[in-house]
Amino acid sequence: MSESTTRLNVFKTYKLYVGGKFPRSESGRVYEVTDSKGNWLANAPLSSRKDARDAVVAARKAFGGWSGATAYNRGQILYRIAEMLEGRRDQFVREVGEAEGLSKSKAGAVVDAAIDRWVWYAGWTDKIGQVVGGANPVAGPFFNLSTPEPTGVVTVIAPQDSSFLGLVSVIAPVIATGNTAVVITSEKSPLPALSLGEVLATSDLPGGVVNILSGKAAEMGPHLASHQDVNAIDLAGADVALAKELEIAAADNLKRVLRPQPVDDWTADPGTRRMTAFLETKTVWHPTGSLGSGGSSY
């Protein structure tokens, strides 16, 4: 081959991330994704109702193992995600810059903040129980202990304008506390989220713990909000009209709903609110024996 011969460009094919695998949309549909100047970047899968159902099945299948893992082990895996992102930093800087119209330096700051956020939540996995659980004083010969438990399968409508840091900020707290997630990406900027699926697949995260769907939240959201095997929904990226529609649909099986809250700065300390939003409190009573004048008896 002569030096003048040019190589054929190998364009990246973006796919969904469902059950630890990378399927195309069941419908075969795609839509064009452009940068902030309207230039074509890629074709992203346009997920269907069937894709959403498959993602819920995968999330439910993964829930038992993930919720049953030790908090320490979950923290190790979240930290591993940060490690893998660090190794692919340049790719995400480019994708985030194109998606959000940011300079290389600003996109780099966003990616660094997203990596740090994984580390931050990794440190919380074995500590949140001490913050929201504990022993309760009761009148009577009982131990009374409250412990947090994950609520189950959580649908997440990802932020529309923060395609990566905002995305990580809503996924990480859901899985850090033992839940599994079905995520609908930013419709206009899905590529960083779809690439994140490739990182998750190589980060020891069991398949199905996070499932990533690109497409229209207005199309998939109502089906997921009314799905009887979805336990909660985070409306972070929904507009006012869609949020109201999904909240009404979610009431059918008493889903937990985290209403959208405006976020001016995704780099700010996120606190524990997104973790506690999807935790249930289990309280156990255990008899200690009779308490008489001679003291307690066990």
Foldseek 3Di string as FASTA:
>chain_A
DDPPDDDDDDADDFAWAAQLDGDAAPVNDWDFAFFPVRHTDYTYGAHALVLLVRLLVSQQVCLVVLQPDALLVLLQLLLLLLVLCVVVVVVQLVLQCRHQVHDSVVSSVLSVLLSVVSNVLSVCLNPVQVVPWAWDDDPAQKTKTKGKGFQEEEEEEFAQNRQGLSRSVQLSLNSSRRYAYEYEGRANRNVSVSVSSVSSSPRPNRGSSYTYDYHDCLRNLLSQLQDLSHAAYECQHPDPVSQVNSVVSNPPNDHQYHGHDDDPDSSDDPPCVSNVSRIDMDMDIDGQCDADPVGTHD
